[in-house]
Amino acid sequence: SPAWPISYDDLAPFYDRAERIYDVHGAR
């Protein structure tokens, strides 16, 4: 499975925002 040209760290702050926008419920 090939590598992405970006890393998880590049997306991490946007994952935070997406979880807020989508009202995500979970147990970190």
mmCIF file of all heavy atoms, coordinates in Angstrom:
data_MODEL
# 
_entry.id   MODEL 
# 
loop_
_atom_site.group_PDB 
_atom_site.id 
_atom_site.type_symbol 
_atom_site.label_atom_id 
_atom_site.label_alt_id 
_atom_site.label_comp_id 
_atom_site.label_asym_id 
_atom_site.label_entity_id 
_atom_site.label_seq_id 
_atom_site.pdbx_PDB_ins_code 
_atom_site.Cartn_x 
_atom_site.Cartn_y 
_atom_site.Cartn_z 
_atom_site.occupancy 
_atom_site.B_iso_or_equiv 
_atom_site.pdbx_formal_charge 
_atom_site.auth_seq_id 
_atom_site.auth_comp_id 
_atom_site.auth_asym_id 
_atom_site.auth_atom_id 
_atom_site.pdbx_PDB_model_num 
ATOM 1   N N   . SER A 1 1  ? 0.861   -1.171 0.000  1.00 0.00 ? 1  SER A N   1 
ATOM 2   C CA  . SER A 1 1  ? 0.000   0.000  0.000  1.00 0.00 ? 1  SER A CA  1 
ATOM 3   C C   . SER A 1 1  ? 0.903   1.228  0.000  1.00 0.00 ? 1  SER A C   1 
ATOM 4   O O   . SER A 1 1  ? 1.757   1.374  0.876  1.00 0.00 ? 1  SER A O   1 
ATOM 5   C CB  . SER A 1 1  ? -0.896  -0.009 1.240  1.00 0.00 ? 1  SER A CB  1 
ATOM 6   O OG  . SER A 1 1  ? -1.639  1.181  1.332  1.00 0.00 ? 1  SER A OG  1 
ATOM 7   N N   . PRO A 1 2  ? 0.740   2.149  -0.955 1.00 0.00 ? 2  PRO A N   1 
ATOM 8   C CA  . PRO A 1 2  ? 1.718   3.238  -1.109 1.00 0.00 ? 2  PRO A CA  1 
ATOM 9   C C   . PRO A 1 2  ? 1.555   4.326  -0.055 1.00 0.00 ? 2  PRO A C   1 
ATOM 10  O O   . PRO A 1 2  ? 0.510   4.476  0.579  1.00 0.00 ? 2  PRO A O   1 
ATOM 11  C CB  . PRO A 1 2  ? 1.397   3.785  -2.497 1.00 0.00 ? 2  PRO A CB  1 
ATOM 12  C CG  . PRO A 1 2  ? -0.062  3.513  -2.680 1.00 0.00 ? 2  PRO A CG  1 
ATOM 13  C CD  . PRO A 1 2  ? -0.310  2.198  -1.999 1.00 0.00 ? 2  PRO A CD  1 
ATOM 14  N N   . ALA A 1 3  ? 2.623   5.096  0.099  1.00 0.00 ? 3  ALA A N   1 
ATOM 15  C CA  . ALA A 1 3  ? 2.606   6.239  1.022  1.00 0.00 ? 3  ALA A CA  1 
ATOM 16  C C   . ALA A 1 3  ? 1.835   7.405  0.420  1.00 0.00 ? 3  ALA A C   1 
ATOM 17  O O   . ALA A 1 3  ? 1.730   7.558  -0.795 1.00 0.00 ? 3  ALA A O   1 
ATOM 18  C CB  . ALA A 1 3  ? 4.034   6.669  1.338  1.00 0.00 ? 3  ALA A CB  1 
ATOM 19  N N   . TRP A 1 4  ? 1.283   8.224  1.303  1.00 0.00 ? 4  TRP A N   1 
ATOM 20  C CA  . TRP A 1 4  ? 0.673   9.494  0.905  1.00 0.00 ? 4  TRP A CA  1 
ATOM 21  C C   . TRP A 1 4  ? 1.770   10.561 0.819  1.00 0.00 ? 4  TRP A C   1 
ATOM 22  O O   . TRP A 1 4  ? 2.804   10.455 1.499  1.00 0.00 ? 4  TRP A O   1 
ATOM 23  C CB  . TRP A 1 4  ? -0.366  9.923  1.929  1.00 0.00 ? 4  TRP A CB  1 
ATOM 24  C CG  . TRP A 1 4  ? -1.612  9.099  1.986  1.00 0.00 ? 4  TRP A CG  1 
ATOM 25  C CD1 . TRP A 1 4  ? -1.702  7.738  2.013  1.00 0.00 ? 4  TRP A CD1 1 
ATOM 26  C CD2 . TRP A 1 4  ? -2.954  9.599  2.043  1.00 0.00 ? 4  TRP A CD2 1 
ATOM 27  N NE1 . TRP A 1 4  ? -3.019  7.342  2.085  1.00 0.00 ? 4  TRP A NE1 1 
ATOM 28  C CE2 . TRP A 1 4  ? -3.809  8.475  2.112  1.00 0.00 ? 4  TRP A CE2 1 
ATOM 29  C CE3 . TRP A 1 4  ? -3.512  10.867 2.064  1.00 0.00 ? 4  TRP A CE3 1 
ATOM 30  C CZ2 . TRP A 1 4  ? -5.198  8.587  2.183  1.00 0.00 ? 4  TRP A CZ2 1 
ATOM 31  C CZ3 . TRP A 1 4  ? -4.887  10.988 2.139  1.00 0.00 ? 4  TRP A CZ3 1 
ATOM 32  C CH2 . TRP A 1 4  ? -5.726  9.859  2.189  1.00 0.00 ? 4  TRP A CH2 1 
ATOM 33  N N   . PRO A 1 5  ? 1.539   11.635 0.062  1.00 0.00 ? 5  PRO A N   1 
ATOM 34  C CA  . PRO A 1 5  ? 2.514   12.734 0.033  1.00 0.00 ? 5  PRO A CA  1 
ATOM 35  C C   . PRO A 1 5  ? 2.351   13.691 1.213  1.00 0.00 ? 5  PRO A C   1 
ATOM 36  O O   . PRO A 1 5  ? 3.089   14.664 1.311  1.00 0.00 ? 5  PRO A O   1 
ATOM 37  C CB  . PRO A 1 5  ? 2.202   13.428 -1.290 1.00 0.00 ? 5  PRO A CB  1 
ATOM 38  C CG  . PRO A 1 5  ? 0.740   13.197 -1.475 1.00 0.00 ? 5  PRO A CG  1 
ATOM 39  C CD  . PRO A 1 5  ? 0.477   11.818 -0.931 1.00 0.00 ? 5  PRO A CD  1 
ATOM 40  N N   . ILE A 1 6  ? 1.362   13.437 2.060  1.00 0.00 ? 6  ILE A N   1 
ATOM 41  C CA  . ILE A 1 6  ? 1.195   14.181 3.312  1.00 0.00 ? 6  ILE A CA  1 
ATOM 42  C C   . ILE A 1 6  ? 1.195   13.190 4.458  1.00 0.00 ? 6  ILE A C   1 
ATOM 43  O O   . ILE A 1 6  ? 1.045   11.976 4.253  1.00 0.00 ? 6  ILE A O   1 
ATOM 44  C CB  . ILE A 1 6  ? -0.110  15.014 3.327  1.00 0.00 ? 6  ILE A CB  1 
ATOM 45  C CG1 . ILE A 1 6  ? -1.338  14.105 3.190  1.00 0.00 ? 6  ILE A CG1 1 
ATOM 46  C CG2 . ILE A 1 6  ? -0.090  16.072 2.229  1.00 0.00 ? 6  ILE A CG2 1 
ATOM 47  C CD1 . ILE A 1 6  ? -2.671  14.821 3.344  1.00 0.00 ? 6  ILE A CD1 1 
ATOM 48  N N   . SER A 1 7  ? 1.368   13.688 5.672  1.00 0.00 ? 7  SER A N   1 
ATOM 49  C CA  . SER A 1 7  ? 1.437   12.826 6.846  1.00 0.00 ? 7  SER A CA  1 
ATOM 50  C C   . SER A 1 7  ? 0.187   12.986 7.704  1.00 0.00 ? 7  SER A C   1 
ATOM 51  O O   . SER A 1 7  ? -0.628  13.892 7.489  1.00 0.00 ? 7  SER A O   1 
ATOM 52  C CB  . SER A 1 7  ? 2.666   13.176 7.681  1.00 0.00 ? 7  SER A CB  1 
ATOM 53  O OG  . SER A 1 7  ? 2.488   14.454 8.302  1.00 0.00 ? 7  SER A OG  1 
ATOM 54  N N   . TYR A 1 8  ? 0.068   12.117 8.685  1.00 0.00 ? 8  TYR A N   1 
ATOM 55  C CA  . TYR A 1 8  ? -1.028  12.250 9.646  1.00 0.00 ? 8  TYR A CA  1 
ATOM 56  C C   . TYR A 1 8  ? -0.975  13.616 10.324 1.00 0.00 ? 8  TYR A C   1 
ATOM 57  O O   . TYR A 1 8  ? -2.020  14.244 10.546 1.00 0.00 ? 8  TYR A O   1 
ATOM 58  C CB  . TYR A 1 8  ? -0.950  11.142 10.694 1.00 0.00 ? 8  TYR A CB  1 
ATOM 59  C CG  . TYR A 1 8  ? -1.992  11.285 11.782 1.00 0.00 ? 8  TYR A CG  1 
ATOM 60  C CD1 . TYR A 1 8  ? -3.282  10.814 11.594 1.00 0.00 ? 8  TYR A CD1 1 
ATOM 61  C CD2 . TYR A 1 8  ? -1.691  11.918 12.983 1.00 0.00 ? 8  TYR A CD2 1 
ATOM 62  C CE1 . TYR A 1 8  ? -4.249  10.965 12.577 1.00 0.00 ? 8  TYR A CE1 1 
ATOM 63  C CE2 . TYR A 1 8  ? -2.652  12.073 13.975 1.00 0.00 ? 8  TYR A CE2 1 
ATOM 64  C CZ  . TYR A 1 8  ? -3.929  11.598 13.772 1.00 0.00 ? 8  TYR A CZ  1 
ATOM 65  O OH  . TYR A 1 8  ? -4.885  11.758 14.745 1.00 0.00 ? 8  TYR A OH  1 
ATOM 66  N N   . ASP A 1 9  ? 0.221   14.073 10.658 1.00 0.00 ? 9  ASP A N   1 
ATOM 67  C CA  . ASP A 1 9  ? 0.348   15.368 11.345 1.00 0.00 ? 9  ASP A CA  1 
ATOM 68  C C   . ASP A 1 9  ? -0.208  16.511 10.503 1.00 0.00 ? 9  ASP A C   1 
ATOM 69  O O   . ASP A 1 9  ? -0.723  17.503 11.039 1.00 0.00 ? 9  ASP A O   1 
ATOM 70  C CB  . ASP A 1 9  ? 1.815   15.637 11.692 1.00 0.00 ? 9  ASP A CB  1 
ATOM 71  C CG  . ASP A 1 9  ? 2.324   14.738 12.802 1.00 0.00 ? 9  ASP A CG  1 
ATOM 72  O OD1 . ASP A 1 9  ? 1.491   14.150 13.527 1.00 0.00 ? 9  ASP A OD1 1 
ATOM 73  O OD2 . ASP A 1 9  ? 3.548   14.610 12.936 1.00 0.00 ? 9  ASP A OD2 1 
ATOM 74  N N   . ASP A 1 10 ? -0.098  16.390 9.177  1.00 0.00 ? 10 ASP A N   1 
ATOM 75  C CA  . ASP A 1 10 ? -0.654  17.430 8.301  1.00 0.00 ? 10 ASP A CA  1 
ATOM 76  C C   . ASP A 1 10 ? -2.174  17.502 8.413  1.00 0.00 ? 10 ASP A C   1 
ATOM 77  O O   . ASP A 1 10 ? -2.775  18.582 8.263  1.00 0.00 ? 10 ASP A O   1 
ATOM 78  C CB  . ASP A 1 10 ? -0.270  17.159 6.845  1.00 0.00 ? 10 ASP A CB  1 
ATOM 79  C CG  . ASP A 1 10 ? 1.218   17.310 6.594  1.00 0.00 ? 10 ASP A CG  1 
ATOM 80  O OD1 . ASP A 1 10 ? 1.821   18.225 7.171  1.00 0.00 ? 10 ASP A OD1 1 
ATOM 81  O OD2 . ASP A 1 10 ? 1.767   16.505 5.822  1.00 0.00 ? 10 ASP A OD2 1 
ATOM 82  N N   . LEU A 1 11 ? -2.810  16.368 8.665  1.00 0.00 ? 11 LEU A N   1 
ATOM 83  C CA  . LEU A 1 11 ? -4.270  16.322 8.736  1.00 0.00 ? 11 LEU A CA  1 
ATOM 84  C C   . LEU A 1 11 ? -4.814  16.443 10.153 1.00 0.00 ? 11 LEU A C   1 
ATOM 85  O O   . LEU A 1 11 ? -6.005  16.729 10.333 1.00 0.00 ? 11 LEU A O   1 
ATOM 86  C CB  . LEU A 1 11 ? -4.793  15.006 8.132  1.00 0.00 ? 11 LEU A CB  1 
ATOM 87  C CG  . LEU A 1 11 ? -5.064  14.956 6.630  1.00 0.00 ? 11 LEU A CG  1 
ATOM 88  C CD1 . LEU A 1 11 ? -5.797  13.669 6.268  1.00 0.00 ? 11 LEU A CD1 1 
ATOM 89  C CD2 . LEU A 1 11 ? -5.874  16.158 6.156  1.00 0.00 ? 11 LEU A CD2 1 
ATOM 90  N N   . ALA A 1 12 ? -3.971  16.214 11.164 1.00 0.00 ? 12 ALA A N   1 
ATOM 91  C CA  . ALA A 1 12 ? -4.464  16.128 12.545 1.00 0.00 ? 12 ALA A CA  1 
ATOM 92  C C   . ALA A 1 12 ? -5.320  17.324 12.972 1.00 0.00 ? 12 ALA A C   1 
ATOM 93  O O   . ALA A 1 12 ? -6.411  17.131 13.518 1.00 0.00 ? 12 ALA A O   1 
ATOM 94  C CB  . ALA A 1 12 ? -3.293  15.917 13.508 1.00 0.00 ? 12 ALA A CB  1 
ATOM 95  N N   . PRO A 1 13 ? -4.878  18.577 12.756 1.00 0.00 ? 13 PRO A N   1 
ATOM 96  C CA  . PRO A 1 13 ? -5.734  19.699 13.200 1.00 0.00 ? 13 PRO A CA  1 
ATOM 97  C C   . PRO A 1 13 ? -7.054  19.765 12.445 1.00 0.00 ? 13 PRO A C   1 
ATOM 98  O O   . PRO A 1 13 ? -8.061  20.248 12.984 1.00 0.00 ? 13 PRO A O   1 
ATOM 99  C CB  . PRO A 1 13 ? -4.869  20.936 12.937 1.00 0.00 ? 13 PRO A CB  1 
ATOM 100 C CG  . PRO A 1 13 ? -3.867  20.511 11.930 1.00 0.00 ? 13 PRO A CG  1 
ATOM 101 C CD  . PRO A 1 13 ? -3.599  19.061 12.192 1.00 0.00 ? 13 PRO A CD  1 
ATOM 102 N N   . PHE A 1 14 ? -7.069  19.263 11.215 1.00 0.00 ? 14 PHE A N   1 
ATOM 103 C CA  . PHE A 1 14 ? -8.302  19.279 10.426 1.00 0.00 ? 14 PHE A CA  1 
ATOM 104 C C   . PHE A 1 14 ? -9.215  18.122 10.825 1.00 0.00 ? 14 PHE A C   1 
ATOM 105 O O   . PHE A 1 14 ? -10.446 18.240 10.729 1.00 0.00 ? 14 PHE A O   1 
ATOM 106 C CB  . PHE A 1 14 ? -7.961  19.259 8.939  1.00 0.00 ? 14 PHE A CB  1 
ATOM 107 C CG  . PHE A 1 14 ? -7.093  20.424 8.540  1.00 0.00 ? 14 PHE A CG  1 
ATOM 108 C CD1 . PHE A 1 14 ? -5.728  20.269 8.338  1.00 0.00 ? 14 PHE A CD1 1 
ATOM 109 C CD2 . PHE A 1 14 ? -7.635  21.696 8.414  1.00 0.00 ? 14 PHE A CD2 1 
ATOM 110 C CE1 . PHE A 1 14 ? -4.924  21.343 7.994  1.00 0.00 ? 14 PHE A CE1 1 
ATOM 111 C CE2 . PHE A 1 14 ? -6.839  22.789 8.066  1.00 0.00 ? 14 PHE A CE2 1 
ATOM 112 C CZ  . PHE A 1 14 ? -5.482  22.605 7.864  1.00 0.00 ? 14 PHE A CZ  1 
ATOM 113 N N   . TYR A 1 15 ? -8.633  17.019 11.280 1.00 0.00 ? 15 TYR A N   1 
ATOM 114 C CA  . TYR A 1 15 ? -9.448  15.970 11.894 1.00 0.00 ? 15 TYR A CA  1 
ATOM 115 C C   . TYR A 1 15 ? -10.175 16.535 13.123 1.00 0.00 ? 15 TYR A C   1 
ATOM 116 O O   . TYR A 1 15 ? -11.360 16.247 13.345 1.00 0.00 ? 15 TYR A O   1 
ATOM 117 C CB  . TYR A 1 15 ? -8.570  14.804 12.328 1.00 0.00 ? 15 TYR A CB  1 
ATOM 118 C CG  . TYR A 1 15 ? -8.310  13.743 11.282 1.00 0.00 ? 15 TYR A CG  1 
ATOM 119 C CD1 . TYR A 1 15 ? -7.022  13.265 11.062 1.00 0.00 ? 15 TYR A CD1 1 
ATOM 120 C CD2 . TYR A 1 15 ? -9.348  13.176 10.545 1.00 0.00 ? 15 TYR A CD2 1 
ATOM 121 C CE1 . TYR A 1 15 ? -6.764  12.263 10.140 1.00 0.00 ? 15 TYR A CE1 1 
ATOM 122 C CE2 . TYR A 1 15 ? -9.100  12.178 9.613  1.00 0.00 ? 15 TYR A CE2 1 
ATOM 123 C CZ  . TYR A 1 15 ? -7.805  11.724 9.407  1.00 0.00 ? 15 TYR A CZ  1 
ATOM 124 O OH  . TYR A 1 15 ? -7.560  10.725 8.492  1.00 0.00 ? 15 TYR A OH  1 
ATOM 125 N N   . ASP A 1 16 ? -9.458  17.318 13.926 1.00 0.00 ? 16 ASP A N   1 
ATOM 126 C CA  . ASP A 1 16 ? -10.095 17.938 15.100 1.00 0.00 ? 16 ASP A CA  1 
ATOM 127 C C   . ASP A 1 16 ? -11.308 18.762 14.684 1.00 0.00 ? 16 ASP A C   1 
ATOM 128 O O   . ASP A 1 16 ? -12.391 18.667 15.280 1.00 0.00 ? 16 ASP A O   1 
ATOM 129 C CB  . ASP A 1 16 ? -9.096  18.847 15.832 1.00 0.00 ? 16 ASP A CB  1 
ATOM 130 C CG  . ASP A 1 16 ? -7.974  18.073 16.514 1.00 0.00 ? 16 ASP A CG  1 
ATOM 131 O OD1 . ASP A 1 16 ? -8.117  16.853 16.719 1.00 0.00 ? 16 ASP A OD1 1 
ATOM 132 O OD2 . ASP A 1 16 ? -6.952  18.711 16.849 1.00 0.00 ? 16 ASP A OD2 1 
ATOM 133 N N   . ARG A 1 17 ? -11.125 19.592 13.654 1.00 0.00 ? 17 ARG A N   1 
ATOM 134 C CA  . ARG A 1 17 ? -12.214 20.452 13.195 1.00 0.00 ? 17 ARG A CA  1 
ATOM 135 C C   . ARG A 1 17 ? -13.357 19.629 12.612 1.00 0.00 ? 17 ARG A C   1 
ATOM 136 O O   . ARG A 1 17 ? -14.540 19.915 12.860 1.00 0.00 ? 17 ARG A O   1 
ATOM 137 C CB  . ARG A 1 17 ? -11.692 21.440 12.154 1.00 0.00 ? 17 ARG A CB  1 
ATOM 138 C CG  . ARG A 1 17 ? -10.812 22.535 12.730 1.00 0.00 ? 17 ARG A CG  1 
ATOM 139 C CD  . ARG A 1 17 ? -10.218 23.408 11.636 1.00 0.00 ? 17 ARG A CD  1 
ATOM 140 N NE  . ARG A 1 17 ? -11.237 24.006 10.780 1.00 0.00 ? 17 ARG A NE  1 
ATOM 141 C CZ  . ARG A 1 17 ? -10.960 24.685 9.669  1.00 0.00 ? 17 ARG A CZ  1 
ATOM 142 N NH1 . ARG A 1 17 ? -9.685  24.837 9.302  1.00 0.00 ? 17 ARG A NH1 1 
ATOM 143 N NH2 . ARG A 1 17 ? -11.924 25.207 8.937  1.00 0.00 ? 17 ARG A NH2 1 
ATOM 144 N N   . ALA A 1 18 ? -13.013 18.607 11.837 1.00 0.00 ? 18 ALA A N   1 
ATOM 145 C CA  . ALA A 1 18 ? -14.053 17.782 11.225 1.00 0.00 ? 18 ALA A CA  1 
ATOM 146 C C   . ALA A 1 18 ? -14.881 17.070 12.289 1.00 0.00 ? 18 ALA A C   1 
ATOM 147 O O   . ALA A 1 18 ? -16.100 16.939 12.157 1.00 0.00 ? 18 ALA A O   1 
ATOM 148 C CB  . ALA A 1 18 ? -13.425 16.770 10.266 1.00 0.00 ? 18 ALA A CB  1 
ATOM 149 N N   . GLU A 1 19 ? -14.243 16.604 13.352 1.00 0.00 ? 19 GLU A N   1 
ATOM 150 C CA  . GLU A 1 19 ? -14.983 15.947 14.430 1.00 0.00 ? 19 GLU A CA  1 
ATOM 151 C C   . GLU A 1 19 ? -15.955 16.912 15.100 1.00 0.00 ? 19 GLU A C   1 
ATOM 152 O O   . GLU A 1 19 ? -17.075 16.522 15.470 1.00 0.00 ? 19 GLU A O   1 
ATOM 153 C CB  . GLU A 1 19 ? -14.021 15.359 15.451 1.00 0.00 ? 19 GLU A CB  1 
ATOM 154 C CG  . GLU A 1 19 ? -13.311 14.101 14.963 1.00 0.00 ? 19 GLU A CG  1 
ATOM 155 C CD  . GLU A 1 19 ? -12.269 13.574 15.924 1.00 0.00 ? 19 GLU A CD  1 
ATOM 156 O OE1 . GLU A 1 19 ? -11.887 14.310 16.869 1.00 0.00 ? 19 GLU A OE1 1 
ATOM 157 O OE2 . GLU A 1 19 ? -11.823 12.433 15.740 1.00 0.00 ? 19 GLU A OE2 1 
ATOM 158 N N   . ARG A 1 20 ? -15.551 18.160 15.242 1.00 0.00 ? 20 ARG A N   1 
ATOM 159 C CA  . ARG A 1 20 ? -16.476 19.141 15.827 1.00 0.00 ? 20 ARG A CA  1 
ATOM 160 C C   . ARG A 1 20 ? -17.636 19.428 14.886 1.00 0.00 ? 20 ARG A C   1 
ATOM 161 O O   . ARG A 1 20 ? -18.800 19.505 15.313 1.00 0.00 ? 20 ARG A O   1 
ATOM 162 C CB  . ARG A 1 20 ? -15.716 20.433 16.175 1.00 0.00 ? 20 ARG A CB  1 
ATOM 163 C CG  . ARG A 1 20 ? -14.715 20.281 17.312 1.00 0.00 ? 20 ARG A CG  1 
ATOM 164 C CD  . ARG A 1 20 ? -14.226 21.629 17.808 1.00 0.00 ? 20 ARG A CD  1 
ATOM 165 N NE  . ARG A 1 20 ? -13.501 22.390 16.808 1.00 0.00 ? 20 ARG A NE  1 
ATOM 166 C CZ  . ARG A 1 20 ? -12.194 22.314 16.598 1.00 0.00 ? 20 ARG A CZ  1 
ATOM 167 N NH1 . ARG A 1 20 ? -11.456 21.482 17.320 1.00 0.00 ? 20 ARG A NH1 1 
ATOM 168 N NH2 . ARG A 1 20 ? -11.598 23.068 15.678 1.00 0.00 ? 20 ARG A NH2 1 
ATOM 169 N N   . ILE A 1 21 ? -17.344 19.595 13.619 1.00 0.00 ? 21 ILE A N   1 
ATOM 170 C CA  . ILE A 1 21 ? -18.390 19.889 12.638 1.00 0.00 ? 21 ILE A CA  1 
ATOM 171 C C   . ILE A 1 21 ? -19.412 18.761 12.570 1.00 0.00 ? 21 ILE A C   1 
ATOM 172 O O   . ILE A 1 21 ? -20.620 19.000 12.448 1.00 0.00 ? 21 ILE A O   1 
ATOM 173 C CB  . ILE A 1 21 ? -17.755 20.136 11.253 1.00 0.00 ? 21 ILE A CB  1 
ATOM 174 C CG1 . ILE A 1 21 ? -17.027 21.486 11.228 1.00 0.00 ? 21 ILE A CG1 1 
ATOM 175 C CG2 . ILE A 1 21 ? -18.806 20.076 10.148 1.00 0.00 ? 21 ILE A CG2 1 
ATOM 176 C CD1 . ILE A 1 21 ? -16.200 21.714 9.983  1.00 0.00 ? 21 ILE A CD1 1 
ATOM 177 N N   . TYR A 1 22 ? -18.938 17.523 12.669 1.00 0.00 ? 22 TYR A N   1 
ATOM 178 C CA  . TYR A 1 22 ? -19.813 16.362 12.549 1.00 0.00 ? 22 TYR A CA  1 
ATOM 179 C C   . TYR A 1 22 ? -20.298 15.828 13.901 1.00 0.00 ? 22 TYR A C   1 
ATOM 180 O O   . TYR A 1 22 ? -20.848 14.736 13.968 1.00 0.00 ? 22 TYR A O   1 
ATOM 181 C CB  . TYR A 1 22 ? -19.105 15.255 11.759 1.00 0.00 ? 22 TYR A CB  1 
ATOM 182 C CG  . TYR A 1 22 ? -19.263 15.405 10.260 1.00 0.00 ? 22 TYR A CG  1 
ATOM 183 C CD1 . TYR A 1 22 ? -18.419 16.235 9.526  1.00 0.00 ? 22 TYR A CD1 1 
ATOM 184 C CD2 . TYR A 1 22 ? -20.273 14.741 9.581  1.00 0.00 ? 22 TYR A CD2 1 
ATOM 185 C CE1 . TYR A 1 22 ? -18.569 16.391 8.151  1.00 0.00 ? 22 TYR A CE1 1 
ATOM 186 C CE2 . TYR A 1 22 ? -20.437 14.875 8.206  1.00 0.00 ? 22 TYR A CE2 1 
ATOM 187 C CZ  . TYR A 1 22 ? -19.581 15.700 7.496  1.00 0.00 ? 22 TYR A CZ  1 
ATOM 188 O OH  . TYR A 1 22 ? -19.743 15.855 6.141  1.00 0.00 ? 22 TYR A OH  1 
ATOM 189 N N   . ASP A 1 23 ? -20.111 16.603 14.970 1.00 0.00 ? 23 ASP A N   1 
ATOM 190 C CA  . ASP A 1 23 ? -20.647 16.238 16.288 1.00 0.00 ? 23 ASP A CA  1 
ATOM 191 C C   . ASP A 1 23 ? -20.278 14.804 16.667 1.00 0.00 ? 23 ASP A C   1 
ATOM 192 O O   . ASP A 1 23 ? -21.127 14.004 17.066 1.00 0.00 ? 23 ASP A O   1 
ATOM 193 C CB  . ASP A 1 23 ? -22.173 16.389 16.318 1.00 0.00 ? 23 ASP A CB  1 
ATOM 194 C CG  . ASP A 1 23 ? -22.615 17.834 16.189 1.00 0.00 ? 23 ASP A CG  1 
ATOM 195 O OD1 . ASP A 1 23 ? -21.998 18.690 16.838 1.00 0.00 ? 23 ASP A OD1 1 
ATOM 196 O OD2 . ASP A 1 23 ? -23.555 18.113 15.428 1.00 0.00 ? 23 ASP A OD2 1 
ATOM 197 N N   . VAL A 1 24 ? -18.999 14.472 16.566 1.00 0.00 ? 24 VAL A N   1 
ATOM 198 C CA  . VAL A 1 24 ? -18.584 13.092 16.787 1.00 0.00 ? 24 VAL A CA  1 
ATOM 199 C C   . VAL A 1 24 ? -18.592 12.754 18.278 1.00 0.00 ? 24 VAL A C   1 
ATOM 200 O O   . VAL A 1 24 ? -18.085 13.508 19.111 1.00 0.00 ? 24 VAL A O   1 
ATOM 201 C CB  . VAL A 1 24 ? -17.189 12.826 16.190 1.00 0.00 ? 24 VAL A CB  1 
ATOM 202 C CG1 . VAL A 1 24 ? -16.765 11.378 16.465 1.00 0.00 ? 24 VAL A CG1 1 
ATOM 203 C CG2 . VAL A 1 24 ? -17.214 13.083 14.684 1.00 0.00 ? 24 VAL A CG2 1 
ATOM 204 N N   . HIS A 1 25 ? -19.182 11.608 18.590 1.00 0.00 ? 25 HIS A N   1 
ATOM 205 C CA  . HIS A 1 25 ? -19.232 11.049 19.938 1.00 0.00 ? 25 HIS A CA  1 
ATOM 206 C C   . HIS A 1 25 ? -18.261 9.878  19.992 1.00 0.00 ? 25 HIS A C   1 
ATOM 207 O O   . HIS A 1 25 ? -18.273 9.003  19.121 1.00 0.00 ? 25 HIS A O   1 
ATOM 208 C CB  . HIS A 1 25 ? -20.633 10.546 20.266 1.00 0.00 ? 25 HIS A CB  1 
ATOM 209 C CG  . HIS A 1 25 ? -21.672 11.619 20.309 1.00 0.00 ? 25 HIS A CG  1 
ATOM 210 N ND1 . HIS A 1 25 ? -22.338 11.966 21.462 1.00 0.00 ? 25 HIS A ND1 1 
ATOM 211 C CD2 . HIS A 1 25 ? -22.159 12.437 19.335 1.00 0.00 ? 25 HIS A CD2 1 
ATOM 212 C CE1 . HIS A 1 25 ? -23.192 12.933 21.202 1.00 0.00 ? 25 HIS A CE1 1 
ATOM 213 N NE2 . HIS A 1 25 ? -23.100 13.242 19.918 1.00 0.00 ? 25 HIS A NE2 1 
ATOM 214 N N   . GLY A 1 26 ? -17.441 9.823  21.017 1.00 0.00 ? 26 GLY A N   1 
ATOM 215 C CA  . GLY A 1 26 ? -16.508 8.710  21.147 1.00 0.00 ? 26 GLY A CA  1 
ATOM 216 C C   . GLY A 1 26 ? -15.780 8.762  22.466 1.00 0.00 ? 26 GLY A C   1 
ATOM 217 O O   . GLY A 1 26 ? -15.983 9.673  23.286 1.00 0.00 ? 26 GLY A O   1 
ATOM 218 N N   . ALA A 1 27 ? -14.919 7.786  22.677 1.00 0.00 ? 27 ALA A N   1 
ATOM 219 C CA  . ALA A 1 27 ? -14.109 7.692  23.900 1.00 0.00 ? 27 ALA A CA  1 
ATOM 220 C C   . ALA A 1 27 ? -12.646 7.632  23.487 1.00 0.00 ? 27 ALA A C   1 
ATOM 221 O O   . ALA A 1 27 ? -12.152 6.570  23.091 1.00 0.00 ? 27 ALA A O   1 
ATOM 222 C CB  . ALA A 1 27 ? -14.500 6.459  24.715 1.00 0.00 ? 27 ALA A CB  1 
ATOM 223 N N   . ARG A 1 28 ? -11.974 8.766  23.534 1.00 0.00 ? 28 ARG A N   1 
ATOM 224 C CA  . ARG A 1 28 ? -10.586 8.837  23.096 1.00 0.00 ? 28 ARG A CA  1 
ATOM 225 C C   . ARG A 1 28 ? -9.728  7.889  23.926 1.00 0.00 ? 28 ARG A C   1 
ATOM 226 O O   . ARG A 1 28 ? -9.804  7.864  25.150 1.00 0.00 ? 28 ARG A O   1 
ATOM 227 C CB  . ARG A 1 28 ? -10.064 10.256 23.223 1.00 0.00 ? 28 ARG A CB  1 
ATOM 228 C CG  . ARG A 1 28 ? -8.771  10.515 22.475 1.00 0.00 ? 28 ARG A CG  1 
ATOM 229 C CD  . ARG A 1 28 ? -9.025  10.725 20.993 1.00 0.00 ? 28 ARG A CD  1 
ATOM 230 N NE  . ARG A 1 28 ? -9.615  12.040 20.709 1.00 0.00 ? 28 ARG A NE  1 
ATOM 231 C CZ  . ARG A 1 28 ? -10.169 12.375 19.543 1.00 0.00 ? 28 ARG A CZ  1 
ATOM 232 N NH1 . ARG A 1 28 ? -10.243 11.512 18.555 1.00 0.00 ? 28 ARG A NH1 1 
ATOM 233 N NH2 . ARG A 1 28 ? -10.680 13.583 19.380 1.00 0.00 ? 28 ARG A NH2 1 
# 
